[in-house]
PDB file of N, CA and C in Angstrom:
ATOM      1  N   UNK A   1     177.858 122.685  73.736  1.00  0.00           N
ATOM      2  CA  UNK A   1     177.639 123.781  73.883  1.00  0.00           C
ATOM      3  C   UNK A   1     176.122 124.498  75.060  1.00  0.00           C
ATOM      4  N   UNK A   2     176.800 124.883  75.575  1.00  0.00           N
ATOM      5  CA  UNK A   2     175.245 125.895  76.546  1.00  0.00           C
ATOM      6  C   UNK A   2     173.253 126.168  75.709  1.00  0.00           C
ATOM      7  N   UNK A   3     172.548 126.230  75.917  1.00  0.00           N
ATOM      8  CA  UNK A   3     171.876 126.061  74.705  1.00  0.00           C
ATOM      9  C   UNK A   3     171.071 127.572  75.225  1.00  0.00           C
ATOM     10  N   UNK A   4     170.976 127.296  76.635  1.00  0.00           N
ATOM     11  CA  UNK A   4     170.497 128.704  77.067  1.00  0.00           C
ATOM     12  C   UNK A   4     171.363 130.257  76.690  1.00  0.00           C
ATOM     13  N   UNK A   5     171.050 131.207  77.003  1.00  0.00           N
ATOM     14  CA  UNK A   5     171.857 132.547  76.375  1.00  0.00           C
ATOM     15  C   UNK A   5     172.487 132.974  76.768  1.00  0.00           C
ATOM     16  N   UNK A   6     171.886 133.312  78.447  1.00  0.00           N
ATOM     17  CA  UNK A   6     173.217 133.325  78.989  1.00  0.00           C
ATOM     18  C   UNK A   6     174.529 133.061  79.608  1.00  0.00           C
ATOM     19  N   UNK A   7     174.188 131.423  80.338  1.00  0.00           N
ATOM     20  CA  UNK A   7     175.311 130.141  79.676  1.00  0.00           C
ATOM     21  C   UNK A   7     175.578 130.676  78.710  1.00  0.00           C
ATOM     22  N   UNK A   8     175.779 130.592  77.476  1.00  0.00           N
ATOM     23  CA  UNK A   8     176.563 130.882  76.150  1.00  0.00           C
ATOM     24  C   UNK A   8     177.594 131.996  76.184  1.00  0.00           C
ATOM     25  N   UNK A   9     176.705 132.735  76.467  1.00  0.00           N
ATOM     26  CA  UNK A   9     177.872 133.844  76.310  1.00  0.00           C
ATOM     27  C   UNK A   9     178.103 133.383  77.151  1.00  0.00           C
ATOM     28  N   UNK A  10     178.975 133.474  78.558  1.00  0.00           N
ATOM     29  CA  UNK A  10     179.847 133.469  79.526  1.00  0.00           C
ATOM     30  C   UNK A  10     180.624 132.423  79.166  1.00  0.00           C
ATOM     31  N   UNK A  11     180.309 130.984  78.395  1.00  0.00           N
ATOM     32  CA  UNK A  11     181.424 129.775  78.261  1.00  0.00           C
ATOM     33  C   UNK A  11     182.060 130.351  76.375  1.00  0.00           C
ATOM     34  N   UNK A  12     180.638 130.760  75.866  1.00  0.00           N
ATOM     35  CA  UNK A  12     181.933 131.683  74.855  1.00  0.00           C
ATOM     36  C   UNK A  12     182.906 132.795  75.242  1.00  0.00           C
ATOM     37  N   UNK A  13     182.703 133.471  75.882  1.00  0.00           N
ATOM     38  CA  UNK A  13     183.981 135.159  76.470  1.00  0.00           C
ATOM     39  C   UNK A  13     184.753 134.097  76.777  1.00  0.00           C
ATOM     40  N   UNK A  14     184.614 133.491  77.718  1.00  0.00           N
ATOM     41  CA  UNK A  14     185.643 132.326  78.672  1.00  0.00           C
ATOM     42  C   UNK A  14     186.577 131.902  77.198  1.00  0.00           C
ATOM     43  N   UNK A  15     186.142 130.989  75.925  1.00  0.00           N
ATOM     44  CA  UNK A  15     186.592 130.367  75.561  1.00  0.00           C
ATOM     45  C   UNK A  15     187.629 131.859  74.111  1.00  0.00           C
ATOM     46  N   UNK A  16     186.382 132.782  74.071  1.00  0.00           N
ATOM     47  CA  UNK A  16     187.160 134.171  73.070  1.00  0.00           C
ATOM     48  C   UNK A  16     188.411 134.081  73.918  1.00  0.00           C
ATOM     49  N   UNK A  17     188.292 134.738  74.672  1.00  0.00           N
ATOM     50  CA  UNK A  17     189.392 135.079  75.977  1.00  0.00           C
ATOM     51  C   UNK A  17     190.740 133.862  76.143  1.00  0.00           C
ATOM     52  N   UNK A  18     190.471 132.880  76.402  1.00  0.00           N
ATOM     53  CA  UNK A  18     191.565 131.923  77.025  1.00  0.00           C
ATOM     54  C   UNK A  18     191.715 131.845  75.917  1.00  0.00           C
ATOM     55  N   UNK A  19     191.427 130.845  74.715  1.00  0.00           N
ATOM     56  CA  UNK A  19     191.724 130.391  74.221  1.00  0.00           C
ATOM     57  C   UNK A  19     191.593 130.209  72.281  1.00  0.00           C
ATOM     58  N   UNK A  20     190.957 131.567  71.501  1.00  0.00           N
ATOM     59  CA  UNK A  20     191.135 131.715  70.729  1.00  0.00           C
ATOM     60  C   UNK A  20     191.128 133.309  69.776  1.00  0.00           C
ATOM     61  N   UNK A  21     191.793 133.297  68.805  1.00  0.00           N
ATOM     62  CA  UNK A  21     191.340 134.891  68.563  1.00  0.00           C
ATOM     63  C   UNK A  21     189.989 135.865  67.973  1.00  0.00           C
ATOM     64  N   UNK A  22     189.402 134.754  67.325  1.00  0.00           N
ATOM     65  CA  UNK A  22     188.822 135.201  66.891  1.00  0.00           C
ATOM     66  C   UNK A  22     187.089 134.866  67.300  1.00  0.00           C
ATOM     67  N   UNK A  23     185.590 134.872  66.716  1.00  0.00           N
ATOM     68  CA  UNK A  23     185.022 134.355  66.527  1.00  0.00           C
ATOM     69  C   UNK A  23     184.716 133.316  65.984  1.00  0.00           C
ATOM     70  N   UNK A  24     185.591 133.428  64.818  1.00  0.00           N
ATOM     71  CA  UNK A  24     185.226 133.215  63.172  1.00  0.00           C
ATOM     72  C   UNK A  24     186.607 131.699  63.518  1.00  0.00           C
ATOM     73  N   UNK A  25     187.593 131.638  63.834  1.00  0.00           N
ATOM     74  CA  UNK A  25     188.572 130.700  64.156  1.00  0.00           C
ATOM     75  C   UNK A  25     187.654 130.092  65.431  1.00  0.00           C
ATOM     76  N   UNK A  26     187.033 130.154  66.728  1.00  0.00           N
ATOM     77  CA  UNK A  26     186.292 129.439  67.374  1.00  0.00           C
ATOM     78  C   UNK A  26     185.522 128.851  66.494  1.00  0.00           C
ATOM     79  N   UNK A  27     184.718 128.588  65.786  1.00  0.00           N
ATOM     80  CA  UNK A  27     183.257 127.921  65.175  1.00  0.00           C
ATOM     81  C   UNK A  27     184.180 127.166  64.007  1.00  0.00           C
ATOM     82  N   UNK A  28     185.288 127.655  63.641  1.00  0.00           N
ATOM     83  CA  UNK A  28     185.894 126.899  62.679  1.00  0.00           C
ATOM     84  C   UNK A  28     186.525 125.873  63.329  1.00  0.00           C
ATOM     85  N   UNK A  29     186.915 125.856  64.456  1.00  0.00           N
ATOM     86  CA  UNK A  29     187.456 125.045  65.612  1.00  0.00           C
ATOM     87  C   UNK A  29     186.881 124.234  65.945  1.00  0.00           C
ATOM     88  N   UNK A  30     185.148 123.953  66.439  1.00  0.00           N
ATOM     89  CA  UNK A  30     184.669 123.963  66.838  1.00  0.00           C
ATOM     90  C   UNK A  30     183.696 122.834  66.211  1.00  0.00           C
ATOM     91  N   UNK A  31     183.075 123.638  64.366  1.00  0.00           N
ATOM     92  CA  UNK A  31     182.345 123.211  63.546  1.00  0.00           C
ATOM     93  C   UNK A  31     180.958 123.650  64.096  1.00  0.00           C
ATOM     94  N   UNK A  32     180.992 124.878  64.878  1.00  0.00           N
ATOM     95  CA  UNK A  32     179.343 125.616  65.310  1.00  0.00           C
ATOM     96  C   UNK A  32     179.561 126.708  64.259  1.00  0.00           C
ATOM     97  N   UNK A  33     177.953 126.600  64.169  1.00  0.00           N
ATOM     98  CA  UNK A  33     177.456 128.598  62.977  1.00  0.00           C
ATOM     99  C   UNK A  33     177.399 129.278  64.344  1.00  0.00           C
ATOM    100  N   UNK A  34     178.716 130.330  63.227  1.00  0.00           N
ATOM    101  CA  UNK A  34     178.817 131.233  63.638  1.00  0.00           C
ATOM    102  C   UNK A  34     177.817 132.331  63.844  1.00  0.00           C
ATOM    103  N   UNK A  35     176.720 132.234  62.276  1.00  0.00           N
ATOM    104  CA  UNK A  35     175.228 133.292  62.694  1.00  0.00           C
ATOM    105  C   UNK A  35     174.687 132.751  63.777  1.00  0.00           C
ATOM    106  N   UNK A  36     174.741 131.166  63.764  1.00  0.00           N
ATOM    107  CA  UNK A  36     173.609 130.769  65.217  1.00  0.00           C
ATOM    108  C   UNK A  36     174.203 131.198  66.444  1.00  0.00           C
ATOM    109  N   UNK A  37     175.408 131.129  66.745  1.00  0.00           N
ATOM    110  CA  UNK A  37     175.810 131.721  67.690  1.00  0.00           C
ATOM    111  C   UNK A  37     175.189 133.352  68.043  1.00  0.00           C
ATOM    112  N   UNK A  38     175.631 134.136  66.607  1.00  0.00           N
ATOM    113  CA  UNK A  38     175.396 135.733  66.938  1.00  0.00           C
ATOM    114  C   UNK A  38     173.476 135.977  66.912  1.00  0.00           C
ATOM    115  N   UNK A  39     172.953 134.819  66.585  1.00  0.00           N
ATOM    116  CA  UNK A  39     171.740 134.966  67.172  1.00  0.00           C
ATOM    117  C   UNK A  39     171.044 134.745  68.280  1.00  0.00           C
ATOM    118  N   UNK A  40     171.679 133.768  68.823  1.00  0.00           N
ATOM    119  CA  UNK A  40     171.449 133.359  70.046  1.00  0.00           C
ATOM    120  C   UNK A  40     171.451 134.723  71.164  1.00  0.00           C
ATOM    121  N   UNK A  41     172.787 134.768  71.009  1.00  0.00           N
ATOM    122  CA  UNK A  41     172.934 135.907  71.752  1.00  0.00           C
ATOM    123  C   UNK A  41     172.587 137.721  71.518  1.00  0.00           C
ATOM    124  N   UNK A  42     172.271 137.823  70.067  1.00  0.00           N
ATOM    125  CA  UNK A  42     171.606 138.429  70.036  1.00  0.00           C
ATOM    126  C   UNK A  42     170.424 139.402  70.561  1.00  0.00           C
ATOM    127  N   UNK A  43     169.604 137.952  71.293  1.00  0.00           N
ATOM    128  CA  UNK A  43     168.198 137.754  71.984  1.00  0.00           C
ATOM    129  C   UNK A  43     168.319 138.537  72.908  1.00  0.00           C
ATOM    130  N   UNK A  44     169.457 138.196  73.765  1.00  0.00           N
ATOM    131  CA  UNK A  44     169.170 138.869  75.346  1.00  0.00           C
ATOM    132  C   UNK A  44     170.845 140.288  74.809  1.00  0.00           C
ATOM    133  N   UNK A  45     170.772 140.702  73.248  1.00  0.00           N
ATOM    134  CA  UNK A  45     171.068 141.962  73.041  1.00  0.00           C
ATOM    135  C   UNK A  45     172.616 142.105  73.307  1.00  0.00           C
ATOM    136  N   UNK A  46     173.009 140.861  72.934  1.00  0.00           N
ATOM    137  CA  UNK A  46     175.058 140.584  73.177  1.00  0.00           C
ATOM    138  C   UNK A  46     175.153 141.084  71.707  1.00  0.00           C
ATOM    139  N   UNK A  47     176.209 141.197  71.226  1.00  0.00           N
ATOM    140  CA  UNK A  47     176.381 141.330  70.125  1.00  0.00           C
ATOM    141  C   UNK A  47     178.286 141.109  69.983  1.00  0.00           C
ATOM    142  N   UNK A  48     178.528 140.949  69.061  1.00  0.00           N
ATOM    143  CA  UNK A  48     180.195 140.823  69.249  1.00  0.00           C
ATOM    144  C   UNK A  48     180.983 141.972  68.860  1.00  0.00           C
ATOM    145  N   UNK A  49     182.417 142.370  69.061  1.00  0.00           N
ATOM    146  CA  UNK A  49     182.923 142.970  69.028  1.00  0.00           C
ATOM    147  C   UNK A  49     184.232 142.269  69.194  1.00  0.00           C
ATOM    148  N   UNK A  50     184.521 142.323  67.172  1.00  0.00           N
ATOM    149  CA  UNK A  50     185.849 142.277  67.150  1.00  0.00           C
ATOM    150  C   UNK A  50     186.971 142.902  68.036  1.00  0.00           C
ATOM    151  N   UNK A  51     187.133 143.908  67.963  1.00  0.00           N
ATOM    152  CA  UNK A  51     188.249 144.606  68.725  1.00  0.00           C
ATOM    153  C   UNK A  51     188.640 143.798  69.802  1.00  0.00           C
ATOM    154  N   UNK A  52     187.722 144.009  70.653  1.00  0.00           N
ATOM    155  CA  UNK A  52     187.287 143.048  72.250  1.00  0.00           C
ATOM    156  C   UNK A  52     187.753 142.195  71.977  1.00  0.00           C
ATOM    157  N   UNK A  53     187.339 141.023  71.339  1.00  0.00           N
ATOM    158  CA  UNK A  53     186.908 140.324  70.970  1.00  0.00           C
ATOM    159  C   UNK A  53     186.391 139.017  71.592  1.00  0.00           C
ATOM    160  N   UNK A  54     185.243 139.677  72.128  1.00  0.00           N
ATOM    161  CA  UNK A  54     183.869 139.271  72.910  1.00  0.00           C
ATOM    162  C   UNK A  54     182.906 140.030  72.683  1.00  0.00           C
ATOM    163  N   UNK A  55     181.322 139.149  73.271  1.00  0.00           N
ATOM    164  CA  UNK A  55     180.785 139.993  73.074  1.00  0.00           C
ATOM    165  C   UNK A  55     180.070 140.989  74.374  1.00  0.00           C
ATOM    166  N   UNK A  56     179.768 141.946  74.062  1.00  0.00           N
ATOM    167  CA  UNK A  56     179.640 142.955  74.774  1.00  0.00           C
ATOM    168  C   UNK A  56     177.915 143.592  74.553  1.00  0.00           C
TER     169      UNK A  56
END
């Protein structure tokens, strides 16, 4: 997974759009820490929108 927040945003939103029904499903499948992703993307003022299933 990308360490740079902007690259991470692009990567996560692509995965959520094309492969996973939720952030939780992505984290469970990839064994990534949900809070770590939320915190990293929060640094660039992006937050997970459950309805849209993407960071906005």
